[in-house]
């Protein structure tokens, strides 16, 4: 090395040593939110796995009335994260003692409101699975609780972050399908009549009374739990209250209107001969200001006659028909036969072909920025209302007029009573 090169290197080294030291950002520890799960079954654990994978949660507690679900779930969490969550049967005790910063509500539908409301009142942000509740006025109470306590509440309508759903919405809103006058949402899966299964004693390690909670206390039946509750109207609202939320949400995402004006439903149990109480087929007509939406579901005959499309929404426009699907992505069929059919494949997370991880990332970002998430509780409330209004019309057997601003059914006292319901025992219905 000659003298000139040595001087250059020395000068550069001196200049570098004079610079202020920058923090080693890559080595800073990520904040971990104290996270608790209520409802450790199939779907609750799907959400919690995404939370653990995101690396920003310390699982401090898990709550379930069924030890047969809870104990294996806790063992899995320890294996995945190294966390050793405390077990609880009563969510009230868990919230009071652990004071989590994030609560995941993965219980049956009838428990969503009370757990969510108490969690935000205790200071937690909440990820609640859809539908947000069993009745419409529960949902309004949930929205109010989130706003009053300045907490983020994300609803599990994860199609709002699914890549093909997002690009499909951009396609529709761009006007490429033309003016849309009708939307048909549907879920058509096959199935037979089923069979009656006798009631029995609850499994050892399960508190069936607490599982029923504010809903009616009925005899335990293994077709209800685990995973079967959605077809029992005491605890959920059938296929419309389950699958329907996703596709009602897609309709409301597309339109600028926030609610329908008139709702009429018909349906029943033409095929099913089992323990369930929900309709095995149902049709609902929603009259909006500028278009009509129709919901269809059946639990028989599948849908092989329509290109095998079992779920989704058909948006009927002047330029063609757009199918917003799930596992097959979206497809646009132009009215002009000379134009080519357009299609986009889905990008879905395994093993359940959903996009929970992206929705969880949005949830965390909303907490950090104190901004509303993509599936905010108000959005989830409106989408849930669509399904619940269809069920109210089915139960009353007539069309209902809906004032969406005031959230009132007009001129029908009997239907209005179904906006809420009586709670059992010591549980108090949430009031706004």
Protein backbone atom coordinates (compact mmCIF):
# COMPACT_ATOMS: atom_id res chain seq x y z
CA UNK A 1 0.00 0.00 0.00
CA UNK A 2 1.49 3.41 -0.99
CA UNK A 3 1.34 6.53 1.16
CA UNK A 4 -1.39 8.17 -0.95
CA UNK A 5 -3.76 5.19 -0.57
CA UNK A 6 -3.06 5.00 3.16
CA UNK A 7 -4.02 8.66 3.61
CA UNK A 8 -7.31 8.14 1.68
CA UNK A 9 -8.29 5.12 3.80
CA UNK A 10 -7.35 6.85 7.05
CA UNK A 11 -9.36 9.93 6.13
CA UNK A 12 -12.39 7.83 5.26
CA UNK A 13 -12.10 5.92 8.53
CA UNK A 14 -11.89 9.16 10.52
CA UNK A 15 -14.95 10.56 8.76
CA UNK A 16 -16.92 7.38 9.45
CA UNK A 17 -15.97 7.40 13.14
CA UNK A 18 -17.25 10.95 13.43
CA UNK A 19 -20.78 10.02 12.27
CA UNK A 20 -23.44 9.52 14.96
CA UNK A 21 -24.17 5.87 15.70
CA UNK A 22 -27.47 4.70 14.13
CA UNK A 23 -29.67 2.33 16.13
CA UNK A 24 -29.50 -1.29 15.06
CA UNK A 25 -33.14 -1.47 14.05
CA UNK A 26 -32.90 -5.02 12.81
CA UNK A 27 -32.01 -6.18 16.30
CA UNK A 28 -34.76 -4.41 18.20
CA UNK A 29 -37.28 -6.76 19.74
CA UNK A 30 -40.78 -6.71 18.27
CA UNK A 31 -43.47 -5.82 20.79
CA UNK A 32 -45.52 -8.84 21.72
CA UNK A 33 -49.14 -8.27 22.66
CA UNK A 34 -50.58 -10.27 25.54
CA UNK A 35 -53.03 -12.41 23.59
CA UNK A 36 -55.87 -14.64 24.77
CA UNK A 37 -58.13 -17.03 22.90
CA UNK A 38 -61.74 -17.78 23.83
CA UNK A 39 -62.96 -20.87 22.01
CA UNK A 40 -60.13 -23.29 21.22
CA UNK A 41 -61.87 -25.40 18.59
CA UNK A 42 -61.10 -25.73 14.89
CA UNK A 43 -61.56 -22.13 13.79
CA UNK A 44 -60.34 -20.42 16.94
CA UNK A 45 -57.07 -22.32 16.59
CA UNK A 46 -56.82 -21.37 12.91
CA UNK A 47 -56.84 -17.73 13.95
CA UNK A 48 -54.43 -18.24 16.84
CA UNK A 49 -51.94 -20.07 14.60
CA UNK A 50 -51.88 -17.02 12.32
CA UNK A 51 -51.35 -14.78 15.35
CA UNK A 52 -48.43 -16.90 16.54
CA UNK A 53 -46.90 -17.01 13.05
CA UNK A 54 -47.03 -13.20 12.87
CA UNK A 55 -44.59 -13.09 15.78
CA UNK A 56 -46.27 -10.28 17.71
CA UNK A 57 -48.31 -12.23 20.24
CA UNK A 58 -47.49 -13.80 23.57
CA UNK A 59 -50.30 -16.24 24.30
CA UNK A 60 -51.04 -15.70 28.00
CA UNK A 61 -54.39 -17.48 28.33
CA UNK A 62 -56.82 -19.80 26.61
CA UNK A 63 -60.46 -20.28 27.56
CA UNK A 64 -62.89 -23.05 26.67
CA UNK A 65 -65.76 -24.80 28.43
CA UNK A 66 -64.62 -28.08 26.88
CA UNK A 67 -61.37 -29.42 28.32
CA UNK A 68 -61.27 -31.98 25.52
CA UNK A 69 -60.60 -29.10 23.12
CA UNK A 70 -58.64 -26.85 25.44
CA UNK A 71 -55.88 -29.15 26.65
CA UNK A 72 -54.69 -30.36 23.20
CA UNK A 73 -54.88 -26.76 21.93
CA UNK A 74 -52.70 -25.51 24.79
CA UNK A 75 -50.15 -28.22 24.09
CA UNK A 76 -50.02 -27.16 20.45
CA UNK A 77 -49.52 -23.51 21.38
CA UNK A 78 -46.59 -24.41 23.63
CA UNK A 79 -45.06 -26.45 20.83
CA UNK A 80 -45.52 -23.68 18.25
CA UNK A 81 -44.45 -20.70 20.36
CA UNK A 82 -42.94 -21.83 23.61
CA UNK A 83 -45.69 -19.92 25.43
CA UNK A 84 -47.44 -21.57 28.34
CA UNK A 85 -50.92 -20.04 28.44
CA UNK A 86 -53.05 -20.36 31.55
CA UNK A 87 -56.27 -22.38 31.14
CA UNK A 88 -59.69 -20.94 31.94
CA UNK A 89 -63.29 -22.10 31.67
CA UNK A 90 -64.91 -18.70 32.34
CA UNK A 91 -63.91 -15.82 30.06
CA UNK A 92 -64.84 -13.28 32.75
CA UNK A 93 -62.25 -14.66 35.14
CA UNK A 94 -59.68 -14.79 32.35
CA UNK A 95 -60.22 -11.17 31.31
CA UNK A 96 -60.09 -9.92 34.90
CA UNK A 97 -56.98 -11.83 35.91
CA UNK A 98 -54.89 -11.77 32.73
CA UNK A 99 -55.85 -8.37 31.30
CA UNK A 100 -54.93 -9.36 27.72
CA UNK A 101 -54.22 -6.69 25.12
CA UNK A 102 -55.73 -8.80 22.32
CA UNK A 103 -58.61 -11.24 22.59
CA UNK A 104 -59.60 -13.69 19.86
CA UNK A 105 -63.27 -14.74 20.00
CA UNK A 106 -63.67 -18.09 18.25
CA UNK A 107 -66.72 -19.38 20.13
CA UNK A 108 -70.14 -20.36 18.74
CA UNK A 109 -72.08 -17.35 17.43
CA UNK A 110 -74.35 -16.80 20.44
CA UNK A 111 -71.34 -16.01 22.64
CA UNK A 112 -69.66 -13.43 20.38
CA UNK A 113 -71.42 -10.30 21.71
CA UNK A 114 -70.93 -10.70 25.46
CA UNK A 115 -67.28 -11.74 25.19
CA UNK A 116 -66.41 -8.98 22.72
CA UNK A 117 -68.14 -6.28 24.76
CA UNK A 118 -66.50 -7.28 28.03
CA UNK A 119 -63.09 -7.60 26.35
CA UNK A 120 -63.13 -4.06 24.93
CA UNK A 121 -64.45 -2.70 28.22
CA UNK A 122 -61.43 -4.30 29.89
CA UNK A 123 -59.14 -2.57 27.40
CA UNK A 124 -58.46 -5.32 24.87
CA UNK A 125 -58.55 -5.15 21.10
CA UNK A 126 -60.66 -7.96 19.64
CA UNK A 127 -60.61 -10.22 16.61
CA UNK A 128 -64.12 -11.72 16.54
CA UNK A 129 -65.22 -14.39 14.12
CA UNK A 130 -68.21 -13.78 11.89
CA UNK A 131 -71.16 -13.47 12.23
CA UNK A 132 -70.71 -10.94 14.99
CA UNK A 133 -73.83 -12.05 16.85
CA UNK A 134 -77.13 -13.89 16.89
CA UNK A 135 -79.46 -10.85 16.78
CA UNK A 136 -79.23 -7.38 15.27
CA UNK A 137 -79.34 -5.32 18.46
CA UNK A 138 -76.43 -7.31 19.89
CA UNK A 139 -74.37 -6.10 16.95
CA UNK A 140 -75.22 -2.45 17.55
CA UNK A 141 -74.17 -2.85 21.20
CA UNK A 142 -70.85 -4.30 20.03
CA UNK A 143 -70.20 -1.36 17.73
CA UNK A 144 -71.00 1.09 20.53
CA UNK A 145 -68.72 -0.72 22.99
CA UNK A 146 -65.82 -0.64 20.53
CA UNK A 147 -66.28 3.09 19.89
CA UNK A 148 -66.89 4.04 23.54
CA UNK A 149 -63.69 2.28 24.60
CA UNK A 150 -61.60 3.29 21.56
CA UNK A 151 -60.68 -0.31 20.81
CA UNK A 152 -60.04 -1.98 17.46
CA UNK A 153 -62.46 -4.79 16.64
CA UNK A 154 -61.71 -6.81 13.52
CA UNK A 155 -64.32 -9.21 12.13
CA UNK A 156 -63.24 -12.43 10.41
CA UNK A 157 -64.64 -11.62 6.95
CA UNK A 158 -61.22 -12.40 5.49
CA UNK A 159 -62.32 -12.18 1.87
CA UNK A 160 -61.80 -8.43 2.24
CA UNK A 161 -58.05 -9.12 2.06
CA UNK A 162 -58.06 -12.06 -0.37
CA UNK A 163 -56.08 -11.03 -3.51
CA UNK A 164 -58.61 -12.20 -6.08
CA UNK A 165 -61.52 -10.69 -4.14
CA UNK A 166 -59.70 -7.35 -4.02
CA UNK A 167 -58.86 -7.35 -7.72
CA UNK A 168 -62.38 -8.54 -8.53
CA UNK A 169 -63.82 -5.61 -6.60
CA UNK A 170 -61.57 -3.24 -8.53
CA UNK A 171 -62.87 -4.78 -11.77
CA UNK A 172 -66.50 -4.31 -10.72
CA UNK A 173 -66.04 -0.78 -9.40
CA UNK A 174 -64.18 0.26 -12.55
CA UNK A 175 -67.37 -0.31 -14.54
CA UNK A 176 -65.93 -3.06 -16.76
CA UNK A 177 -68.99 -5.22 -16.09
CA UNK A 178 -71.23 -2.30 -17.00
CA UNK A 179 -74.16 -1.15 -14.90
CA UNK A 180 -75.10 -3.93 -12.50
CA UNK A 181 -78.80 -4.38 -11.88
CA UNK A 182 -78.84 -7.67 -9.98
CA UNK A 183 -76.57 -9.78 -7.76
CA UNK A 184 -77.15 -13.43 -6.98
CA UNK A 185 -75.28 -14.85 -3.99
CA UNK A 186 -75.36 -18.57 -3.32
CA UNK A 187 -74.03 -21.59 -1.50
CA UNK A 188 -75.06 -24.92 -3.02
CA UNK A 189 -73.58 -28.01 -1.43
CA UNK A 190 -74.86 -31.53 -1.73
CA UNK A 191 -76.13 -33.71 1.06
CA UNK A 192 -78.84 -36.11 2.02
CA UNK A 193 -81.64 -36.22 4.58
CA UNK A 194 -79.37 -37.32 7.42
CA UNK A 195 -80.68 -39.15 10.44
CA UNK A 196 -81.75 -38.53 14.00
CA UNK A 197 -79.06 -38.90 16.64
CA UNK A 198 -80.13 -39.43 20.26
CA UNK A 199 -79.27 -36.87 22.93
CA UNK A 200 -76.73 -37.94 25.52
CA UNK A 201 -74.81 -36.74 28.53
CA UNK A 202 -72.14 -34.12 27.77
CA UNK A 203 -68.59 -35.47 27.50
CA UNK A 204 -66.59 -35.60 30.71
CA UNK A 205 -64.69 -32.36 31.09
CA UNK A 206 -67.33 -30.22 29.37
CA UNK A 207 -69.57 -27.62 31.02
CA UNK A 208 -72.64 -27.83 28.79
CA UNK A 209 -74.60 -25.25 30.79
CA UNK A 210 -71.84 -22.70 30.21
CA UNK A 211 -71.60 -23.66 26.54
CA UNK A 212 -75.29 -22.78 26.14
CA UNK A 213 -74.75 -19.62 28.20
CA UNK A 214 -77.32 -16.90 27.40
CA UNK A 215 -79.05 -19.14 24.83
CA UNK A 216 -81.66 -21.78 25.69
CA UNK A 217 -80.40 -24.78 27.63
CA UNK A 218 -81.11 -27.81 25.46
CA UNK A 219 -79.97 -31.41 25.92
CA UNK A 220 -76.45 -32.11 24.68
CA UNK A 221 -76.20 -33.71 21.27
CA UNK A 222 -72.94 -34.54 19.55
CA UNK A 223 -74.26 -33.11 16.29
CA UNK A 224 -74.14 -29.64 17.92
CA UNK A 225 -70.65 -29.78 19.34
CA UNK A 226 -68.04 -29.70 18.06
CA UNK A 227 -68.60 -27.73 14.84
CA UNK A 228 -72.27 -28.52 14.24
CA UNK A 229 -73.89 -25.62 16.08
CA UNK A 230 -74.45 -23.45 13.02
CA UNK A 231 -77.41 -25.55 11.92
CA UNK A 232 -79.21 -25.04 15.25
CA UNK A 233 -81.22 -21.83 15.40
CA UNK A 234 -80.89 -21.42 19.17
CA UNK A 235 -77.15 -20.84 18.71
CA UNK A 236 -76.72 -19.59 15.15
CA UNK A 237 -78.68 -18.75 11.99
CA UNK A 238 -78.10 -21.63 9.62
CA UNK A 239 -76.28 -21.44 6.30
CA UNK A 240 -77.37 -17.85 5.69
CA UNK A 241 -75.94 -16.83 9.06
CA UNK A 242 -72.73 -18.75 8.37
CA UNK A 243 -71.71 -18.71 4.71
CA UNK A 244 -74.11 -15.90 3.87
CA UNK A 245 -72.15 -13.34 5.87
CA UNK A 246 -69.18 -13.63 3.49
CA UNK A 247 -71.22 -13.09 0.36
CA UNK A 248 -73.49 -10.42 1.83
CA UNK A 249 -70.25 -8.65 2.74
CA UNK A 250 -69.05 -8.88 -0.86
CA UNK A 251 -72.28 -7.22 -2.03
CA UNK A 252 -71.98 -4.39 0.49
CA UNK A 253 -68.30 -3.97 -0.37
CA UNK A 254 -69.22 -3.46 -4.01
CA UNK A 255 -72.19 -1.12 -3.62
CA UNK A 256 -72.21 2.35 -2.11
CA UNK A 257 -75.53 1.53 -0.43
CA UNK A 258 -75.24 0.41 3.19
CA UNK A 259 -78.40 -1.64 3.58
CA UNK A 260 -81.48 -2.93 1.74
CA UNK A 261 -84.90 -1.29 1.97
CA UNK A 262 -87.04 -4.43 1.78
CA UNK A 263 -86.27 -8.06 2.57
CA UNK A 264 -88.35 -11.15 1.81
CA UNK A 265 -87.39 -14.77 2.45
CA UNK A 266 -88.88 -18.18 1.91
CA UNK A 267 -87.52 -21.67 2.48
CA UNK A 268 -87.74 -24.59 4.83
CA UNK A 269 -86.75 -28.19 5.41
CA UNK A 270 -87.72 -30.15 2.32
CA UNK A 271 -85.05 -32.83 2.59
CA UNK A 272 -83.39 -32.86 6.02
CA UNK A 273 -84.66 -35.42 8.52
CA UNK A 274 -82.05 -34.98 11.23
CA UNK A 275 -81.65 -33.13 14.55
CA UNK A 276 -80.85 -29.75 13.03
CA UNK A 277 -83.38 -26.91 13.03
CA UNK A 278 -82.11 -24.56 10.31
CA UNK A 279 -83.65 -24.50 6.81
CA UNK A 280 -82.03 -26.89 4.33
CA UNK A 281 -82.89 -24.47 1.53
CA UNK A 282 -83.63 -20.76 1.54
CA UNK A 283 -84.14 -17.89 -0.88
CA UNK A 284 -83.95 -14.23 0.16
CA UNK A 285 -84.67 -11.17 -1.97
CA UNK A 286 -83.05 -7.87 -0.96
CA UNK A 287 -84.38 -4.72 -2.58
CA UNK A 288 -81.83 -1.90 -2.67
CA UNK A 289 -82.30 1.58 -4.10
CA UNK A 290 -80.46 0.80 -7.33
CA UNK A 291 -80.38 -2.99 -7.67
CA UNK A 292 -81.77 -6.28 -6.35
CA UNK A 293 -79.76 -8.95 -4.56
CA UNK A 294 -80.85 -12.56 -4.15
CA UNK A 295 -79.50 -15.19 -1.77
CA UNK A 296 -79.90 -18.93 -2.39
CA UNK A 297 -78.67 -21.90 -0.43
CA UNK A 298 -79.45 -25.57 -0.35
CA UNK A 299 -77.92 -28.55 1.37
CA UNK A 300 -78.82 -31.01 -1.37
CA UNK A 301 -78.32 -31.41 -5.15
CA UNK A 302 -75.00 -29.48 -5.19
CA UNK A 303 -74.48 -27.27 -8.27
CA UNK A 304 -72.85 -29.27 -11.04
CA UNK A 305 -75.16 -27.66 -13.59
CA UNK A 306 -73.43 -24.27 -13.30
CA UNK A 307 -69.79 -25.03 -14.13
CA UNK A 308 -69.41 -26.60 -10.70
CA UNK A 309 -69.56 -23.21 -8.98
CA UNK A 310 -70.88 -24.00 -5.51
CA UNK A 311 -70.36 -20.66 -3.78
CA UNK A 312 -70.01 -16.98 -4.55
CA UNK A 313 -71.83 -14.08 -6.17
CA UNK A 314 -72.91 -13.53 -9.74
CA UNK A 315 -72.95 -9.81 -10.57
CA UNK A 316 -75.16 -9.29 -13.64
CA UNK A 317 -74.14 -6.20 -15.62
CA UNK A 318 -74.83 -4.70 -19.01
CA UNK A 319 -71.35 -5.77 -20.22
CA UNK A 320 -71.48 -9.30 -18.87
CA UNK A 321 -71.71 -11.60 -15.86
CA UNK A 322 -69.01 -11.55 -13.18
CA UNK A 323 -68.62 -14.49 -10.82
CA UNK A 324 -66.83 -13.73 -7.57
CA UNK A 325 -65.89 -17.14 -6.27
CA UNK A 326 -63.71 -18.78 -3.68
CA UNK A 327 -61.47 -21.69 -4.60
CA UNK A 328 -61.85 -20.99 -8.32
CA UNK A 329 -61.07 -17.26 -8.17
CA UNK A 330 -63.13 -14.87 -10.27
CA UNK A 331 -64.37 -15.08 -13.86
CA UNK A 332 -65.99 -12.53 -16.18
CA UNK A 333 -68.24 -13.75 -18.98
CA UNK A 334 -68.75 -10.90 -21.49
CA UNK A 335 -72.14 -10.29 -23.07
CA UNK A 336 -70.39 -9.92 -26.42
CA UNK A 337 -69.47 -13.47 -27.45
CA UNK A 338 -66.57 -12.13 -29.54
CA UNK A 339 -64.78 -10.95 -26.42
CA UNK A 340 -62.71 -13.39 -24.42
CA UNK A 341 -63.62 -14.67 -20.97
CA UNK A 342 -61.43 -13.13 -18.25
CA UNK A 343 -60.26 -15.03 -15.21
CA UNK A 344 -58.03 -14.67 -12.16
CA UNK A 345 -56.91 -17.60 -10.03
CA UNK A 346 -57.12 -17.36 -6.24
CA UNK A 347 -54.21 -17.06 -3.83
CA UNK A 348 -55.34 -18.84 -0.67
CA UNK A 349 -53.55 -19.91 2.48
CA UNK A 350 -53.38 -23.59 3.35
CA UNK A 351 -54.67 -25.77 4.88
CA UNK A 352 -58.13 -24.16 4.84
CA UNK A 353 -57.97 -22.02 1.68
CA UNK A 354 -58.56 -18.81 3.60
CA UNK A 355 -56.56 -15.59 4.11
CA UNK A 356 -56.49 -15.19 7.87
CA UNK A 357 -52.81 -14.18 8.03
CA UNK A 358 -53.34 -11.08 5.89
CA UNK A 359 -56.38 -10.10 7.92
CA UNK A 360 -54.40 -10.53 11.14
CA UNK A 361 -51.61 -8.33 9.73
CA UNK A 362 -54.19 -5.64 9.00
CA UNK A 363 -55.53 -6.02 12.55
CA UNK A 364 -52.07 -5.45 14.05
CA UNK A 365 -51.42 -2.45 11.81
CA UNK A 366 -54.75 -0.94 12.84
CA UNK A 367 -53.87 -1.33 16.51
CA UNK A 368 -50.51 0.39 15.99
CA UNK A 369 -51.96 3.25 13.95
CA UNK A 370 -55.25 3.49 15.89
CA UNK A 371 -57.13 3.38 12.61
CA UNK A 372 -60.15 1.33 11.58
CA UNK A 373 -59.34 -2.14 10.19
CA UNK A 374 -60.47 -3.40 6.81
CA UNK A 375 -63.17 -5.55 8.46
CA UNK A 376 -64.17 -3.10 11.18
CA UNK A 377 -66.98 -4.04 13.54
CA UNK A 378 -69.37 -1.59 11.84
CA UNK A 379 -68.74 -3.29 8.49
CA UNK A 380 -69.21 -6.71 10.08
CA UNK A 381 -72.40 -5.49 11.74
CA UNK A 382 -73.98 -4.42 8.45
CA UNK A 383 -73.03 -7.65 6.71
CA UNK A 384 -74.37 -9.70 9.62
CA UNK A 385 -77.59 -7.67 9.54
CA UNK A 386 -78.20 -8.71 5.94
CA UNK A 387 -78.31 -12.35 6.96
CA UNK A 388 -80.27 -11.76 10.15
CA UNK A 389 -82.92 -9.75 8.29
CA UNK A 390 -83.36 -12.69 5.94
CA UNK A 391 -83.88 -14.98 8.91
CA UNK A 392 -86.41 -12.60 10.49
CA UNK A 393 -88.41 -12.56 7.26
CA UNK A 394 -88.29 -16.37 7.06
CA UNK A 395 -89.49 -16.74 10.66
CA UNK A 396 -92.39 -14.30 10.23
CA UNK A 397 -93.30 -15.50 6.74
CA UNK A 398 -93.56 -12.04 5.24
CA UNK A 399 -91.66 -9.15 3.72
CA UNK A 400 -90.11 -6.62 6.09
CA UNK A 401 -89.35 -2.93 5.56
CA UNK A 402 -85.98 -1.92 6.97
CA UNK A 403 -84.89 1.54 8.14
CA UNK A 404 -81.14 1.02 8.00
CA UNK A 405 -80.24 4.38 9.51
CA UNK A 406 -82.28 3.82 12.67
CA UNK A 407 -81.98 0.01 12.45
CA UNK A 408 -85.71 -0.47 12.86
CA UNK A 409 -88.27 -2.70 11.16
CA UNK A 410 -91.17 -0.52 10.06
CA UNK A 411 -94.79 -1.19 10.97
CA UNK A 412 -94.34 -4.76 12.19
CA UNK A 413 -94.27 -5.27 15.94
CA UNK A 414 -93.91 -9.05 15.71
CA UNK A 415 -90.87 -8.86 13.42
CA UNK A 416 -89.37 -6.07 15.53
CA UNK A 417 -89.31 -8.36 18.56
CA UNK A 418 -86.85 -10.58 16.67
CA UNK A 419 -84.25 -7.79 16.58
CA UNK A 420 -83.29 -9.05 20.04
CA UNK A 421 -84.10 -12.03 22.23
CA UNK A 422 -84.35 -12.93 25.90
CA UNK A 423 -81.19 -14.16 27.56
CA UNK A 424 -81.23 -17.11 29.93
CA UNK A 425 -80.44 -17.12 33.62
CA UNK A 426 -78.02 -14.54 34.97
CA UNK A 427 -76.90 -13.28 31.56
CA UNK A 428 -78.07 -9.80 30.58
CA UNK A 429 -78.79 -8.84 26.99
CA UNK A 430 -76.46 -5.99 25.91
CA UNK A 431 -78.28 -2.70 25.49
CA UNK A 432 -77.19 0.38 23.61
